[in-house]
């Protein structure tokens, strides 16, 4: 499956704009983030809290042009994401006024 990270996390992980991941079992937010943190341990704690596993403020999750940030972490991601046709996208939210 494909994952796209914001620039600051790409820099930390020293990767390009799109990552390829192997996810075991059902493809959910939790399984994708588990696989991402296992392959790139320097990202642990940057996308979700290490203790509570809650999404960090100012990060959003998107797939298939839908905001999945408030979906349950164990809900299945769209089939297009699981098949690799569409990426799972982590976006840094922008605040300001």
N, C-alpha and C. Protein backbone atom coordinates (compact mmCIF):
# COMPACT_ATOMS: atom_id res chain seq x y z
N UNK A 1 0.83 -1.18 0.00
CA UNK A 1 0.00 0.00 0.00
C UNK A 1 0.87 1.23 0.00
N UNK A 2 0.27 2.36 -0.36
CA UNK A 2 1.00 3.62 -0.50
C UNK A 2 0.64 4.58 0.62
N UNK A 3 1.65 5.29 1.13
CA UNK A 3 1.46 6.28 2.18
C UNK A 3 2.20 7.56 1.77
N UNK A 4 1.53 8.69 1.96
CA UNK A 4 2.14 10.00 1.70
C UNK A 4 2.20 10.75 3.03
N UNK A 5 3.38 11.27 3.34
CA UNK A 5 3.60 12.00 4.59
C UNK A 5 3.86 13.47 4.32
N UNK A 6 3.60 14.34 5.33
CA UNK A 6 3.96 15.75 5.17
C UNK A 6 5.48 15.91 5.19
N UNK A 7 5.95 17.02 4.67
CA UNK A 7 7.38 17.25 4.49
C UNK A 7 8.19 17.05 5.77
N UNK A 8 7.72 17.56 6.91
CA UNK A 8 8.53 17.45 8.13
C UNK A 8 8.72 15.99 8.56
N UNK A 9 7.74 15.14 8.31
CA UNK A 9 7.89 13.72 8.66
C UNK A 9 8.74 12.99 7.62
N UNK A 10 8.66 13.40 6.35
CA UNK A 10 9.55 12.82 5.33
C UNK A 10 11.00 13.13 5.65
N UNK A 11 11.25 14.35 6.08
CA UNK A 11 12.61 14.75 6.44
C UNK A 11 13.11 13.91 7.62
N UNK A 12 12.28 13.75 8.63
CA UNK A 12 12.65 12.96 9.81
C UNK A 12 12.95 11.51 9.44
N UNK A 13 12.13 10.93 8.58
CA UNK A 13 12.29 9.53 8.19
C UNK A 13 13.29 9.36 7.05
N UNK A 14 13.73 10.47 6.46
CA UNK A 14 14.66 10.46 5.33
C UNK A 14 14.12 9.62 4.17
N UNK A 15 12.90 9.96 3.75
CA UNK A 15 12.23 9.25 2.66
C UNK A 15 11.72 10.24 1.63
N UNK A 16 11.30 9.72 0.49
CA UNK A 16 10.73 10.53 -0.57
C UNK A 16 9.27 10.85 -0.29
N UNK A 17 8.60 11.33 -1.32
CA UNK A 17 7.23 11.81 -1.14
C UNK A 17 6.21 10.70 -0.91
N UNK A 18 6.49 9.48 -1.40
CA UNK A 18 5.53 8.40 -1.24
C UNK A 18 6.24 7.14 -0.76
N UNK A 19 5.66 6.48 0.23
CA UNK A 19 6.23 5.26 0.78
C UNK A 19 5.41 4.06 0.35
N UNK A 20 6.05 2.93 0.22
CA UNK A 20 5.37 1.66 -0.02
C UNK A 20 5.47 0.84 1.26
N UNK A 21 4.33 0.37 1.77
CA UNK A 21 4.31 -0.42 3.01
C UNK A 21 3.59 -1.74 2.79
N UNK A 22 4.05 -2.75 3.50
CA UNK A 22 3.33 -4.01 3.58
C UNK A 22 2.57 -3.99 4.91
N UNK A 23 1.27 -4.20 4.85
CA UNK A 23 0.44 -4.19 6.05
C UNK A 23 -0.13 -5.59 6.23
N UNK A 24 0.10 -6.17 7.40
CA UNK A 24 -0.43 -7.50 7.71
C UNK A 24 -1.86 -7.37 8.21
N UNK A 25 -2.72 -8.27 7.76
CA UNK A 25 -4.09 -8.29 8.25
C UNK A 25 -4.93 -7.20 7.61
N UNK A 26 -6.06 -6.88 8.26
CA UNK A 26 -6.96 -5.85 7.71
C UNK A 26 -6.25 -4.50 7.63
N UNK A 27 -6.54 -3.76 6.59
CA UNK A 27 -5.92 -2.44 6.39
C UNK A 27 -6.79 -1.40 7.09
N UNK A 28 -6.29 -0.94 8.25
CA UNK A 28 -6.97 0.06 9.07
C UNK A 28 -5.97 1.17 9.36
N UNK A 29 -6.45 2.28 9.93
CA UNK A 29 -5.51 3.33 10.34
C UNK A 29 -4.48 2.76 11.30
N UNK A 30 -4.94 1.97 12.26
CA UNK A 30 -4.02 1.41 13.26
C UNK A 30 -2.97 0.52 12.60
N UNK A 31 -3.38 -0.37 11.71
CA UNK A 31 -2.42 -1.30 11.10
C UNK A 31 -1.44 -0.56 10.19
N UNK A 32 -1.91 0.48 9.50
CA UNK A 32 -1.02 1.28 8.65
C UNK A 32 0.00 2.01 9.51
N UNK A 33 -0.46 2.65 10.59
CA UNK A 33 0.46 3.39 11.45
C UNK A 33 1.41 2.45 12.19
N UNK A 34 0.93 1.28 12.58
CA UNK A 34 1.81 0.28 13.19
C UNK A 34 2.93 -0.13 12.23
N UNK A 35 2.55 -0.40 10.97
CA UNK A 35 3.54 -0.80 9.96
C UNK A 35 4.51 0.34 9.67
N UNK A 36 3.99 1.57 9.61
CA UNK A 36 4.83 2.74 9.36
C UNK A 36 5.85 2.92 10.48
N UNK A 37 5.40 2.83 11.74
CA UNK A 37 6.29 3.01 12.88
C UNK A 37 7.28 1.85 13.02
N UNK A 38 6.88 0.65 12.62
CA UNK A 38 7.80 -0.49 12.67
C UNK A 38 8.93 -0.32 11.65
N UNK A 39 8.58 0.15 10.46
CA UNK A 39 9.59 0.33 9.41
C UNK A 39 10.43 1.59 9.62
N UNK A 40 9.82 2.62 10.18
CA UNK A 40 10.50 3.90 10.42
C UNK A 40 10.35 4.27 11.89
N UNK A 41 11.14 3.65 12.77
CA UNK A 41 10.97 3.87 14.22
C UNK A 41 11.16 5.32 14.65
N UNK A 42 11.85 6.12 13.84
CA UNK A 42 12.02 7.53 14.20
C UNK A 42 10.71 8.30 14.14
N UNK A 43 9.66 7.71 13.56
CA UNK A 43 8.35 8.36 13.49
C UNK A 43 7.47 8.05 14.69
N UNK A 44 7.89 7.13 15.56
CA UNK A 44 7.09 6.81 16.74
C UNK A 44 6.88 8.06 17.58
N UNK A 45 5.62 8.30 17.90
CA UNK A 45 5.29 9.46 18.72
C UNK A 45 5.07 10.74 17.94
N UNK A 46 5.33 10.73 16.64
CA UNK A 46 5.15 11.95 15.85
C UNK A 46 3.77 12.05 15.23
N UNK A 47 3.17 10.92 14.89
CA UNK A 47 1.86 10.91 14.26
C UNK A 47 0.76 10.66 15.29
N UNK A 48 1.08 9.83 16.26
CA UNK A 48 0.13 9.53 17.35
C UNK A 48 0.90 9.41 18.65
N UNK A 49 0.23 9.70 19.74
CA UNK A 49 0.82 9.60 21.07
C UNK A 49 1.24 8.16 21.32
N UNK A 50 2.43 7.96 21.87
CA UNK A 50 2.95 6.60 22.10
C UNK A 50 2.16 5.83 23.15
N UNK A 51 1.56 6.51 24.10
CA UNK A 51 0.84 5.83 25.18
C UNK A 51 -0.63 5.62 24.80
N UNK A 52 -1.30 6.69 24.40
CA UNK A 52 -2.75 6.60 24.12
C UNK A 52 -3.05 6.18 22.69
N UNK A 53 -2.08 6.30 21.80
CA UNK A 53 -2.23 6.05 20.37
C UNK A 53 -3.26 6.97 19.71
N UNK A 54 -3.53 8.10 20.33
CA UNK A 54 -4.43 9.11 19.75
C UNK A 54 -3.66 9.92 18.71
N UNK A 55 -4.34 10.29 17.64
CA UNK A 55 -3.75 11.12 16.59
C UNK A 55 -3.27 12.43 17.20
N UNK A 56 -2.09 12.87 16.79
CA UNK A 56 -1.55 14.14 17.27
C UNK A 56 -2.39 15.30 16.73
N UNK A 57 -2.53 16.36 17.54
CA UNK A 57 -3.23 17.55 17.04
C UNK A 57 -2.50 18.09 15.80
N UNK A 58 -3.22 18.68 14.92
CA UNK A 58 -2.70 19.29 13.70
C UNK A 58 -2.22 18.29 12.66
N UNK A 59 -2.56 17.02 12.83
CA UNK A 59 -2.35 16.03 11.77
C UNK A 59 -3.71 15.48 11.38
N UNK A 60 -3.90 15.27 10.10
CA UNK A 60 -5.17 14.74 9.59
C UNK A 60 -4.85 13.55 8.68
N UNK A 61 -5.82 12.63 8.59
CA UNK A 61 -5.69 11.45 7.74
C UNK A 61 -6.72 11.54 6.62
N UNK A 62 -6.28 11.33 5.39
CA UNK A 62 -7.16 11.37 4.23
C UNK A 62 -6.93 10.14 3.36
N UNK A 63 -8.00 9.72 2.68
CA UNK A 63 -7.92 8.67 1.67
C UNK A 63 -9.13 8.83 0.76
N UNK A 64 -8.92 8.64 -0.52
CA UNK A 64 -10.02 8.73 -1.50
C UNK A 64 -10.79 10.04 -1.36
N UNK A 65 -10.05 11.12 -1.13
CA UNK A 65 -10.62 12.47 -1.00
C UNK A 65 -11.58 12.62 0.17
N UNK A 66 -11.44 11.78 1.18
CA UNK A 66 -12.27 11.86 2.38
C UNK A 66 -11.39 12.05 3.61
N UNK A 67 -11.84 12.89 4.53
CA UNK A 67 -11.15 13.09 5.80
C UNK A 67 -11.52 11.93 6.72
N UNK A 68 -10.54 11.13 7.07
CA UNK A 68 -10.76 9.96 7.92
C UNK A 68 -10.23 10.18 9.33
N UNK A 69 -9.90 11.41 9.65
CA UNK A 69 -9.25 11.73 10.92
C UNK A 69 -10.06 11.33 12.15
N UNK A 70 -11.37 11.37 12.04
CA UNK A 70 -12.21 11.08 13.21
C UNK A 70 -12.86 9.69 13.13
N UNK A 71 -12.43 8.90 12.17
CA UNK A 71 -12.92 7.52 12.07
C UNK A 71 -12.24 6.67 13.14
N UNK A 72 -12.89 5.60 13.59
CA UNK A 72 -12.24 4.71 14.57
C UNK A 72 -10.95 4.12 13.99
N UNK A 73 -9.91 3.98 14.80
CA UNK A 73 -8.62 3.50 14.29
C UNK A 73 -8.67 2.08 13.72
N UNK A 74 -9.68 1.29 14.11
CA UNK A 74 -9.76 -0.08 13.61
C UNK A 74 -10.80 -0.25 12.50
N UNK A 75 -11.37 0.85 12.02
CA UNK A 75 -12.30 0.79 10.89
C UNK A 75 -11.49 0.50 9.62
N UNK A 76 -12.02 -0.34 8.76
CA UNK A 76 -11.33 -0.68 7.52
C UNK A 76 -11.19 0.56 6.64
N UNK A 77 -10.01 0.71 6.05
CA UNK A 77 -9.81 1.79 5.08
C UNK A 77 -10.44 1.38 3.75
N UNK A 78 -10.73 2.33 2.87
CA UNK A 78 -11.35 2.00 1.59
C UNK A 78 -10.53 0.95 0.81
N UNK A 79 -11.23 0.13 0.03
CA UNK A 79 -10.57 -0.92 -0.76
C UNK A 79 -9.49 -0.35 -1.68
N UNK A 80 -9.72 0.84 -2.21
CA UNK A 80 -8.74 1.46 -3.11
C UNK A 80 -7.42 1.72 -2.39
N UNK A 81 -7.47 1.99 -1.10
CA UNK A 81 -6.25 2.20 -0.31
C UNK A 81 -5.58 0.85 -0.06
N UNK A 82 -6.36 -0.13 0.35
CA UNK A 82 -5.81 -1.46 0.63
C UNK A 82 -5.15 -2.07 -0.60
N UNK A 83 -5.71 -1.82 -1.78
CA UNK A 83 -5.14 -2.38 -3.01
C UNK A 83 -3.95 -1.59 -3.54
N UNK A 84 -3.75 -0.38 -3.02
CA UNK A 84 -2.65 0.46 -3.49
C UNK A 84 -3.03 1.40 -4.61
N UNK A 85 -4.31 1.37 -5.03
CA UNK A 85 -4.75 2.26 -6.10
C UNK A 85 -4.77 3.72 -5.63
N UNK A 86 -5.08 3.93 -4.36
CA UNK A 86 -5.11 5.27 -3.76
C UNK A 86 -4.21 5.27 -2.53
N UNK A 87 -3.54 6.39 -2.22
CA UNK A 87 -2.68 6.44 -1.04
C UNK A 87 -3.44 6.79 0.23
N UNK A 88 -2.86 6.41 1.36
CA UNK A 88 -3.27 6.89 2.68
C UNK A 88 -2.41 8.12 2.92
N UNK A 89 -3.04 9.26 3.18
CA UNK A 89 -2.31 10.53 3.24
C UNK A 89 -2.37 11.10 4.66
N UNK A 90 -1.21 11.45 5.19
CA UNK A 90 -1.11 12.16 6.46
C UNK A 90 -0.78 13.60 6.11
N UNK A 91 -1.62 14.52 6.57
CA UNK A 91 -1.45 15.94 6.23
C UNK A 91 -1.29 16.75 7.51
N UNK A 92 -0.36 17.66 7.50
CA UNK A 92 -0.21 18.61 8.59
C UNK A 92 -1.26 19.69 8.43
N UNK A 93 -2.14 19.84 9.42
CA UNK A 93 -3.20 20.85 9.35
C UNK A 93 -2.58 22.24 9.47
N UNK A 94 -3.24 23.20 8.86
CA UNK A 94 -2.77 24.58 8.90
C UNK A 94 -3.74 25.38 9.76
N UNK A 95 -3.20 26.11 10.73
CA UNK A 95 -4.01 26.95 11.59
C UNK A 95 -3.62 28.40 11.38
N UNK A 96 -4.52 29.26 11.63
CA UNK A 96 -4.19 30.68 11.49
C UNK A 96 -5.45 31.49 11.26
N UNK A 97 -5.28 32.73 11.09
CA UNK A 97 -6.47 33.52 10.92
C UNK A 97 -6.29 34.75 10.16
